[in-house]
Amino acid sequence: MKTITLDEDAYERLKAWKKGRNESFSSVVKRVIPEPGSLGAFLTFAEAHQTQSLAGNEVLEQAVEERSSAKEDPWI
């Protein structure tokens, strides 16, 4: 067990993710926050939380596309 401190805004955000009175904050964190360090974990998180429908995705996608097209082809 560890004790952490959250400001009111962070506490309210975390509390909003709870699926009922009996769910612990530890369960919420484990359910919502992906395991660090792997693309597979990130993909699992994105699929589980349907992140493809979040606002702002088109801005991120455009930035990635612009950056990708600006890179030089290493095979030329």
PDB file of N, CA and C in Angstrom:
ATOM      1  N   MET A   1       0.832  -1.182   0.000  1.00  0.00           N
ATOM      2  CA  MET A   1       0.000   0.000   0.000  1.00  0.00           C
ATOM      3  C   MET A   1       0.875   1.243   0.000  1.00  0.00           C
ATOM      4  N   LYS A   2       0.441   2.237  -0.761  1.00  0.00           N
ATOM      5  CA  LYS A   2       1.100   3.534  -0.816  1.00  0.00           C
ATOM      6  C   LYS A   2       0.041   4.609  -0.630  1.00  0.00           C
ATOM      7  N   THR A   3       0.423   5.696  -0.047  1.00  0.00           N
ATOM      8  CA  THR A   3      -0.460   6.845   0.096  1.00  0.00           C
ATOM      9  C   THR A   3      -0.034   7.887  -0.921  1.00  0.00           C
ATOM     10  N   ILE A   4      -0.995   8.413  -1.676  1.00  0.00           N
ATOM     11  CA  ILE A   4      -0.698   9.467  -2.638  1.00  0.00           C
ATOM     12  C   ILE A   4      -1.575  10.680  -2.339  1.00  0.00           C
ATOM     13  N   THR A   5      -1.149  11.826  -2.826  1.00  0.00           N
ATOM     14  CA  THR A   5      -1.912  13.052  -2.637  1.00  0.00           C
ATOM     15  C   THR A   5      -2.365  13.559  -3.997  1.00  0.00           C
ATOM     16  N   LEU A   6      -3.647  13.895  -4.100  1.00  0.00           N
ATOM     17  CA  LEU A   6      -4.203  14.446  -5.330  1.00  0.00           C
ATOM     18  C   LEU A   6      -4.859  15.779  -5.016  1.00  0.00           C
ATOM     19  N   ASP A   7      -4.764  16.725  -5.955  1.00  0.00           N
ATOM     20  CA  ASP A   7      -5.538  17.945  -5.757  1.00  0.00           C
ATOM     21  C   ASP A   7      -7.002  17.637  -6.075  1.00  0.00           C
ATOM     22  N   GLU A   8      -7.889  18.567  -5.786  1.00  0.00           N
ATOM     23  CA  GLU A   8      -9.327  18.333  -5.940  1.00  0.00           C
ATOM     24  C   GLU A   8      -9.702  17.941  -7.366  1.00  0.00           C
ATOM     25  N   ASP A   9      -9.130  18.637  -8.349  1.00  0.00           N
ATOM     26  CA  ASP A   9      -9.452  18.349  -9.744  1.00  0.00           C
ATOM     27  C   ASP A   9      -9.049  16.922 -10.125  1.00  0.00           C
ATOM     28  N   ALA A  10      -7.839  16.526  -9.744  1.00  0.00           N
ATOM     29  CA  ALA A  10      -7.367  15.178 -10.048  1.00  0.00           C
ATOM     30  C   ALA A  10      -8.224  14.126  -9.346  1.00  0.00           C
ATOM     31  N   TYR A  11      -8.588  14.381  -8.112  1.00  0.00           N
ATOM     32  CA  TYR A  11      -9.440  13.455  -7.354  1.00  0.00           C
ATOM     33  C   TYR A  11     -10.800  13.292  -8.033  1.00  0.00           C
ATOM     34  N   GLU A  12     -11.408  14.397  -8.454  1.00  0.00           N
ATOM     35  CA  GLU A  12     -12.716  14.332  -9.099  1.00  0.00           C
ATOM     36  C   GLU A  12     -12.644  13.584 -10.421  1.00  0.00           C
ATOM     37  N   ARG A  13     -11.558  13.769 -11.176  1.00  0.00           N
ATOM     38  CA  ARG A  13     -11.386  13.034 -12.443  1.00  0.00           C
ATOM     39  C   ARG A  13     -11.270  11.541 -12.184  1.00  0.00           C
ATOM     40  N   LEU A  14     -10.457  11.173 -11.208  1.00  0.00           N
ATOM     41  CA  LEU A  14     -10.289   9.766 -10.879  1.00  0.00           C
ATOM     42  C   LEU A  14     -11.591   9.164 -10.381  1.00  0.00           C
ATOM     43  N   LYS A  15     -12.274   9.885  -9.531  1.00  0.00           N
ATOM     44  CA  LYS A  15     -13.543   9.435  -8.975  1.00  0.00           C
ATOM     45  C   LYS A  15     -14.592   9.212 -10.077  1.00  0.00           C
ATOM     46  N   ALA A  16     -14.549  10.056 -11.122  1.00  0.00           N
ATOM     47  CA  ALA A  16     -15.512   9.947 -12.225  1.00  0.00           C
ATOM     48  C   ALA A  16     -15.351   8.643 -13.010  1.00  0.00           C
ATOM     49  N   TRP A  17     -14.168   8.041 -12.962  1.00  0.00           N
ATOM     50  CA  TRP A  17     -13.912   6.786 -13.679  1.00  0.00           C
ATOM     51  C   TRP A  17     -14.416   5.564 -12.914  1.00  0.00           C
ATOM     52  N   LYS A  18     -14.766   5.731 -11.655  1.00  0.00           N
ATOM     53  CA  LYS A  18     -15.212   4.589 -10.856  1.00  0.00           C
ATOM     54  C   LYS A  18     -16.514   4.016 -11.413  1.00  0.00           C
ATOM     55  N   LYS A  19     -16.600   2.708 -11.439  1.00  0.00           N
ATOM     56  CA  LYS A  19     -17.796   2.015 -11.917  1.00  0.00           C
ATOM     57  C   LYS A  19     -18.607   1.520 -10.727  1.00  0.00           C
ATOM     58  N   GLY A  20     -18.982   2.422  -9.885  1.00  0.00           N
ATOM     59  CA  GLY A  20     -19.762   2.029  -8.718  1.00  0.00           C
ATOM     60  C   GLY A  20     -19.037   2.279  -7.429  1.00  0.00           C
ATOM     61  N   ARG A  21     -19.802   2.223  -6.380  1.00  0.00           N
ATOM     62  CA  ARG A  21     -19.296   2.511  -5.041  1.00  0.00           C
ATOM     63  C   ARG A  21     -18.219   1.560  -4.556  1.00  0.00           C
ATOM     64  N   ASN A  22     -18.312   0.320  -4.976  1.00  0.00           N
ATOM     65  CA  ASN A  22     -17.409  -0.708  -4.444  1.00  0.00           C
ATOM     66  C   ASN A  22     -16.076  -0.801  -5.189  1.00  0.00           C
ATOM     67  N   GLU A  23     -15.929  -0.105  -6.311  1.00  0.00           N
ATOM     68  CA  GLU A  23     -14.657  -0.173  -7.032  1.00  0.00           C
ATOM     69  C   GLU A  23     -13.626   0.712  -6.338  1.00  0.00           C
ATOM     70  N   SER A  24     -12.456   0.166  -6.109  1.00  0.00           N
ATOM     71  CA  SER A  24     -11.393   0.931  -5.459  1.00  0.00           C
ATOM     72  C   SER A  24     -10.680   1.821  -6.475  1.00  0.00           C
ATOM     73  N   PHE A  25     -10.000   2.836  -5.964  1.00  0.00           N
ATOM     74  CA  PHE A  25      -9.215   3.683  -6.842  1.00  0.00           C
ATOM     75  C   PHE A  25      -8.072   2.882  -7.476  1.00  0.00           C
ATOM     76  N   SER A  26      -7.533   1.910  -6.773  1.00  0.00           N
ATOM     77  CA  SER A  26      -6.494   1.050  -7.348  1.00  0.00           C
ATOM     78  C   SER A  26      -7.027   0.310  -8.564  1.00  0.00           C
ATOM     79  N   SER A  27      -8.245  -0.197  -8.472  1.00  0.00           N
ATOM     80  CA  SER A  27      -8.858  -0.893  -9.607  1.00  0.00           C
ATOM     81  C   SER A  27      -9.061   0.044 -10.789  1.00  0.00           C
ATOM     82  N   VAL A  28      -9.461   1.276 -10.499  1.00  0.00           N
ATOM     83  CA  VAL A  28      -9.654   2.257 -11.570  1.00  0.00           C
ATOM     84  C   VAL A  28      -8.333   2.517 -12.285  1.00  0.00           C
ATOM     85  N   VAL A  29      -7.282   2.761 -11.530  1.00  0.00           N
ATOM     86  CA  VAL A  29      -5.973   3.034 -12.132  1.00  0.00           C
ATOM     87  C   VAL A  29      -5.516   1.853 -12.974  1.00  0.00           C
ATOM     88  N   LYS A  30      -5.653   0.631 -12.470  1.00  0.00           N
ATOM     89  CA  LYS A  30      -5.226  -0.558 -13.216  1.00  0.00           C
ATOM     90  C   LYS A  30      -6.054  -0.748 -14.485  1.00  0.00           C
ATOM     91  N   ARG A  31      -7.319  -0.361 -14.436  1.00  0.00           N
ATOM     92  CA  ARG A  31      -8.199  -0.529 -15.596  1.00  0.00           C
ATOM     93  C   ARG A  31      -7.953   0.546 -16.647  1.00  0.00           C
ATOM     94  N   VAL A  32      -7.655   1.764 -16.212  1.00  0.00           N
ATOM     95  CA  VAL A  32      -7.585   2.897 -17.125  1.00  0.00           C
ATOM     96  C   VAL A  32      -6.173   3.176 -17.637  1.00  0.00           C
ATOM     97  N   ILE A  33      -5.170   3.034 -16.801  1.00  0.00           N
ATOM     98  CA  ILE A  33      -3.795   3.375 -17.167  1.00  0.00           C
ATOM     99  C   ILE A  33      -3.096   2.148 -17.751  1.00  0.00           C
ATOM    100  N   PRO A  34      -2.562   2.275 -18.985  1.00  0.00           N
ATOM    101  CA  PRO A  34      -1.897   1.111 -19.596  1.00  0.00           C
ATOM    102  C   PRO A  34      -0.563   0.797 -18.920  1.00  0.00           C
ATOM    103  N   GLU A  35      -0.159  -0.457 -19.024  1.00  0.00           N
ATOM    104  CA  GLU A  35       1.171  -0.858 -18.557  1.00  0.00           C
ATOM    105  C   GLU A  35       2.205  -0.080 -19.370  1.00  0.00           C
ATOM    106  N   PRO A  36       3.266   0.382 -18.750  1.00  0.00           N
ATOM    107  CA  PRO A  36       4.263   1.153 -19.489  1.00  0.00           C
ATOM    108  C   PRO A  36       5.169   0.275 -20.339  1.00  0.00           C
ATOM    109  N   GLY A  37       5.703   0.889 -21.393  1.00  0.00           N
ATOM    110  CA  GLY A  37       6.829   0.290 -22.069  1.00  0.00           C
ATOM    111  C   GLY A  37       6.609  -0.542 -23.301  1.00  0.00           C
ATOM    112  N   SER A  38       5.381  -0.797 -23.715  1.00  0.00           N
ATOM    113  CA  SER A  38       5.267  -1.610 -24.911  1.00  0.00           C
ATOM    114  C   SER A  38       4.196  -1.059 -25.841  1.00  0.00           C
ATOM    115  N   LEU A  39       4.435  -1.204 -27.117  1.00  0.00           N
ATOM    116  CA  LEU A  39       3.466  -0.790 -28.118  1.00  0.00           C
ATOM    117  C   LEU A  39       2.214  -1.640 -28.003  1.00  0.00           C
ATOM    118  N   GLY A  40       2.376  -2.914 -27.671  1.00  0.00           N
ATOM    119  CA  GLY A  40       1.228  -3.796 -27.488  1.00  0.00           C
ATOM    120  C   GLY A  40       0.320  -3.321 -26.370  1.00  0.00           C
ATOM    121  N   ALA A  41       0.911  -2.861 -25.280  1.00  0.00           N
ATOM    122  CA  ALA A  41       0.119  -2.344 -24.165  1.00  0.00           C
ATOM    123  C   ALA A  41      -0.625  -1.089 -24.585  1.00  0.00           C
ATOM    124  N   PHE A  42       0.044  -0.237 -25.346  1.00  0.00           N
ATOM    125  CA  PHE A  42      -0.603   0.975 -25.821  1.00  0.00           C
ATOM    126  C   PHE A  42      -1.759   0.634 -26.758  1.00  0.00           C
ATOM    127  N   LEU A  43      -1.539  -0.297 -27.665  1.00  0.00           N
ATOM    128  CA  LEU A  43      -2.587  -0.707 -28.602  1.00  0.00           C
ATOM    129  C   LEU A  43      -3.779  -1.296 -27.859  1.00  0.00           C
ATOM    130  N   THR A  44      -3.524  -2.143 -26.880  1.00  0.00           N
ATOM    131  CA  THR A  44      -4.597  -2.725 -26.075  1.00  0.00           C
ATOM    132  C   THR A  44      -5.392  -1.629 -25.380  1.00  0.00           C
ATOM    133  N   PHE A  45      -4.686  -0.646 -24.823  1.00  0.00           N
ATOM    134  CA  PHE A  45      -5.343   0.482 -24.166  1.00  0.00           C
ATOM    135  C   PHE A  45      -6.195   1.262 -25.159  1.00  0.00           C
ATOM    136  N   ALA A  46      -5.630   1.570 -26.324  1.00  0.00           N
ATOM    137  CA  ALA A  46      -6.353   2.361 -27.324  1.00  0.00           C
ATOM    138  C   ALA A  46      -7.605   1.632 -27.799  1.00  0.00           C
ATOM    139  N   GLU A  47      -7.498   0.327 -28.024  1.00  0.00           N
ATOM    140  CA  GLU A  47      -8.656  -0.442 -28.468  1.00  0.00           C
ATOM    141  C   GLU A  47      -9.719  -0.540 -27.376  1.00  0.00           C
ATOM    142  N   ALA A  48      -9.300  -0.762 -26.158  1.00  0.00           N
ATOM    143  CA  ALA A  48     -10.246  -0.910 -25.047  1.00  0.00           C
ATOM    144  C   ALA A  48     -10.998   0.380 -24.753  1.00  0.00           C
ATOM    145  N   HIS A  49     -10.353   1.505 -24.968  1.00  0.00           N
ATOM    146  CA  HIS A  49     -10.973   2.791 -24.635  1.00  0.00           C
ATOM    147  C   HIS A  49     -11.461   3.540 -25.868  1.00  0.00           C
ATOM    148  N   GLN A  50     -11.460   2.887 -27.018  1.00  0.00           N
ATOM    149  CA  GLN A  50     -11.979   3.458 -28.265  1.00  0.00           C
ATOM    150  C   GLN A  50     -11.433   4.864 -28.498  1.00  0.00           C
ATOM    151  N   THR A  51     -10.123   4.988 -28.401  1.00  0.00           N
ATOM    152  CA  THR A  51      -9.496   6.300 -28.535  1.00  0.00           C
ATOM    153  C   THR A  51      -9.590   6.848 -29.956  1.00  0.00           C
ATOM    154  N   GLN A  52      -9.933   6.017 -30.915  1.00  0.00           N
ATOM    155  CA  GLN A  52     -10.043   6.508 -32.289  1.00  0.00           C
ATOM    156  C   GLN A  52     -11.168   7.526 -32.444  1.00  0.00           C
ATOM    157  N   SER A  53     -12.090   7.568 -31.495  1.00  0.00           N
ATOM    158  CA  SER A  53     -13.214   8.498 -31.592  1.00  0.00           C
ATOM    159  C   SER A  53     -13.024   9.768 -30.754  1.00  0.00           C
ATOM    160  N   LEU A  54     -11.865   9.948 -30.155  1.00  0.00           N
ATOM    161  CA  LEU A  54     -11.634  11.134 -29.324  1.00  0.00           C
ATOM    162  C   LEU A  54     -11.453  12.392 -30.174  1.00  0.00           C
ATOM    163  N   ALA A  55     -11.935  13.501 -29.645  1.00  0.00           N
ATOM    164  CA  ALA A  55     -11.748  14.788 -30.319  1.00  0.00           C
ATOM    165  C   ALA A  55     -10.258  15.103 -30.415  1.00  0.00           C
ATOM    166  N   GLY A  56      -9.847  15.674 -31.509  1.00  0.00           N
ATOM    167  CA  GLY A  56      -8.450  16.062 -31.688  1.00  0.00           C
ATOM    168  C   GLY A  56      -7.606  15.038 -32.412  1.00  0.00           C
ATOM    169  N   ASN A  57      -8.146  13.865 -32.672  1.00  0.00           N
ATOM    170  CA  ASN A  57      -7.369  12.834 -33.359  1.00  0.00           C
ATOM    171  C   ASN A  57      -6.933  13.283 -34.751  1.00  0.00           C
ATOM    172  N   GLU A  58      -7.810  14.023 -35.443  1.00  0.00           N
ATOM    173  CA  GLU A  58      -7.462  14.446 -36.797  1.00  0.00           C
ATOM    174  C   GLU A  58      -6.265  15.390 -36.798  1.00  0.00           C
ATOM    175  N   VAL A  59      -6.108  16.198 -35.747  1.00  0.00           N
ATOM    176  CA  VAL A  59      -4.959  17.099 -35.642  1.00  0.00           C
ATOM    177  C   VAL A  59      -3.681  16.287 -35.464  1.00  0.00           C
ATOM    178  N   LEU A  60      -3.730  15.293 -34.591  1.00  0.00           N
ATOM    179  CA  LEU A  60      -2.574  14.434 -34.370  1.00  0.00           C
ATOM    180  C   LEU A  60      -2.226  13.664 -35.633  1.00  0.00           C
ATOM    181  N   GLU A  61      -3.236  13.111 -36.300  1.00  0.00           N
ATOM    182  CA  GLU A  61      -2.991  12.346 -37.518  1.00  0.00           C
ATOM    183  C   GLU A  61      -2.362  13.222 -38.599  1.00  0.00           C
ATOM    184  N   GLN A  62      -2.834  14.450 -38.750  1.00  0.00           N
ATOM    185  CA  GLN A  62      -2.280  15.364 -39.744  1.00  0.00           C
ATOM    186  C   GLN A  62      -0.817  15.677 -39.429  1.00  0.00           C
ATOM    187  N   ALA A  63      -0.502  15.888 -38.155  1.00  0.00           N
ATOM    188  CA  ALA A  63       0.875  16.188 -37.764  1.00  0.00           C
ATOM    189  C   ALA A  63       1.798  15.011 -38.068  1.00  0.00           C
ATOM    190  N   VAL A  64       1.323  13.802 -37.805  1.00  0.00           N
ATOM    191  CA  VAL A  64       2.127  12.603 -38.100  1.00  0.00           C
ATOM    192  C   VAL A  64       2.341  12.479 -39.599  1.00  0.00           C
ATOM    193  N   GLU A  65       1.282  12.684 -40.383  1.00  0.00           N
ATOM    194  CA  GLU A  65       1.391  12.594 -41.841  1.00  0.00           C
ATOM    195  C   GLU A  65       2.375  13.633 -42.389  1.00  0.00           C
ATOM    196  N   GLU A  66       2.293  14.864 -41.909  1.00  0.00           N
ATOM    197  CA  GLU A  66       3.194  15.912 -42.365  1.00  0.00           C
ATOM    198  C   GLU A  66       4.638  15.588 -42.024  1.00  0.00           C
ATOM    199  N   ARG A  67       4.844  15.078 -40.847  1.00  0.00           N
ATOM    200  CA  ARG A  67       6.209  14.733 -40.424  1.00  0.00           C
ATOM    201  C   ARG A  67       6.738  13.543 -41.225  1.00  0.00           C
ATOM    202  N   SER A  68       5.866  12.558 -41.468  1.00  0.00           N
ATOM    203  CA  SER A  68       6.276  11.381 -42.224  1.00  0.00           C
ATOM    204  C   SER A  68       6.646  11.739 -43.656  1.00  0.00           C
ATOM    205  N   SER A  69       5.884  12.632 -44.277  1.00  0.00           N
ATOM    206  CA  SER A  69       6.169  13.000 -45.663  1.00  0.00           C
ATOM    207  C   SER A  69       7.412  13.881 -45.764  1.00  0.00           C
ATOM    208  N   ALA A  70       7.788  14.537 -44.683  1.00  0.00           N
ATOM    209  CA  ALA A  70       8.963  15.405 -44.684  1.00  0.00           C
ATOM    210  C   ALA A  70      10.256  14.610 -44.509  1.00  0.00           C
ATOM    211  N   LYS A  71      10.159  13.382 -44.018  1.00  0.00           N
ATOM    212  CA  LYS A  71      11.365  12.574 -43.807  1.00  0.00           C
ATOM    213  C   LYS A  71      11.945  12.121 -45.136  1.00  0.00           C
ATOM    214  N   GLU A  72      13.234  11.977 -45.159  1.00  0.00           N
ATOM    215  CA  GLU A  72      13.891  11.475 -46.355  1.00  0.00           C
ATOM    216  C   GLU A  72      13.805   9.959 -46.384  1.00  0.00           C
ATOM    217  N   ASP A  73      13.732   9.421 -47.588  1.00  0.00           N
ATOM    218  CA  ASP A  73      13.711   7.980 -47.764  1.00  0.00           C
ATOM    219  C   ASP A  73      15.138   7.456 -47.587  1.00  0.00           C
ATOM    220  N   PRO A  74      15.386   6.601 -46.594  1.00  0.00           N
ATOM    221  CA  PRO A  74      16.761   6.140 -46.346  1.00  0.00           C
ATOM    222  C   PRO A  74      17.267   5.177 -47.432  1.00  0.00           C
ATOM    223  N   TRP A  75      16.397   4.710 -48.299  1.00  0.00           N
ATOM    224  CA  TRP A  75      16.780   3.731 -49.319  1.00  0.00           C
ATOM    225  C   TRP A  75      17.173   4.382 -50.637  1.00  0.00           C
ATOM    226  N   ILE A  76      17.087   5.702 -50.706  1.00  0.00           N
ATOM    227  CA  ILE A  76      17.448   6.392 -51.958  1.00  0.00           C
ATOM    228  C   ILE A  76      18.879   6.863 -51.889  1.00  0.00           C
TER     229      ILE A  76
END
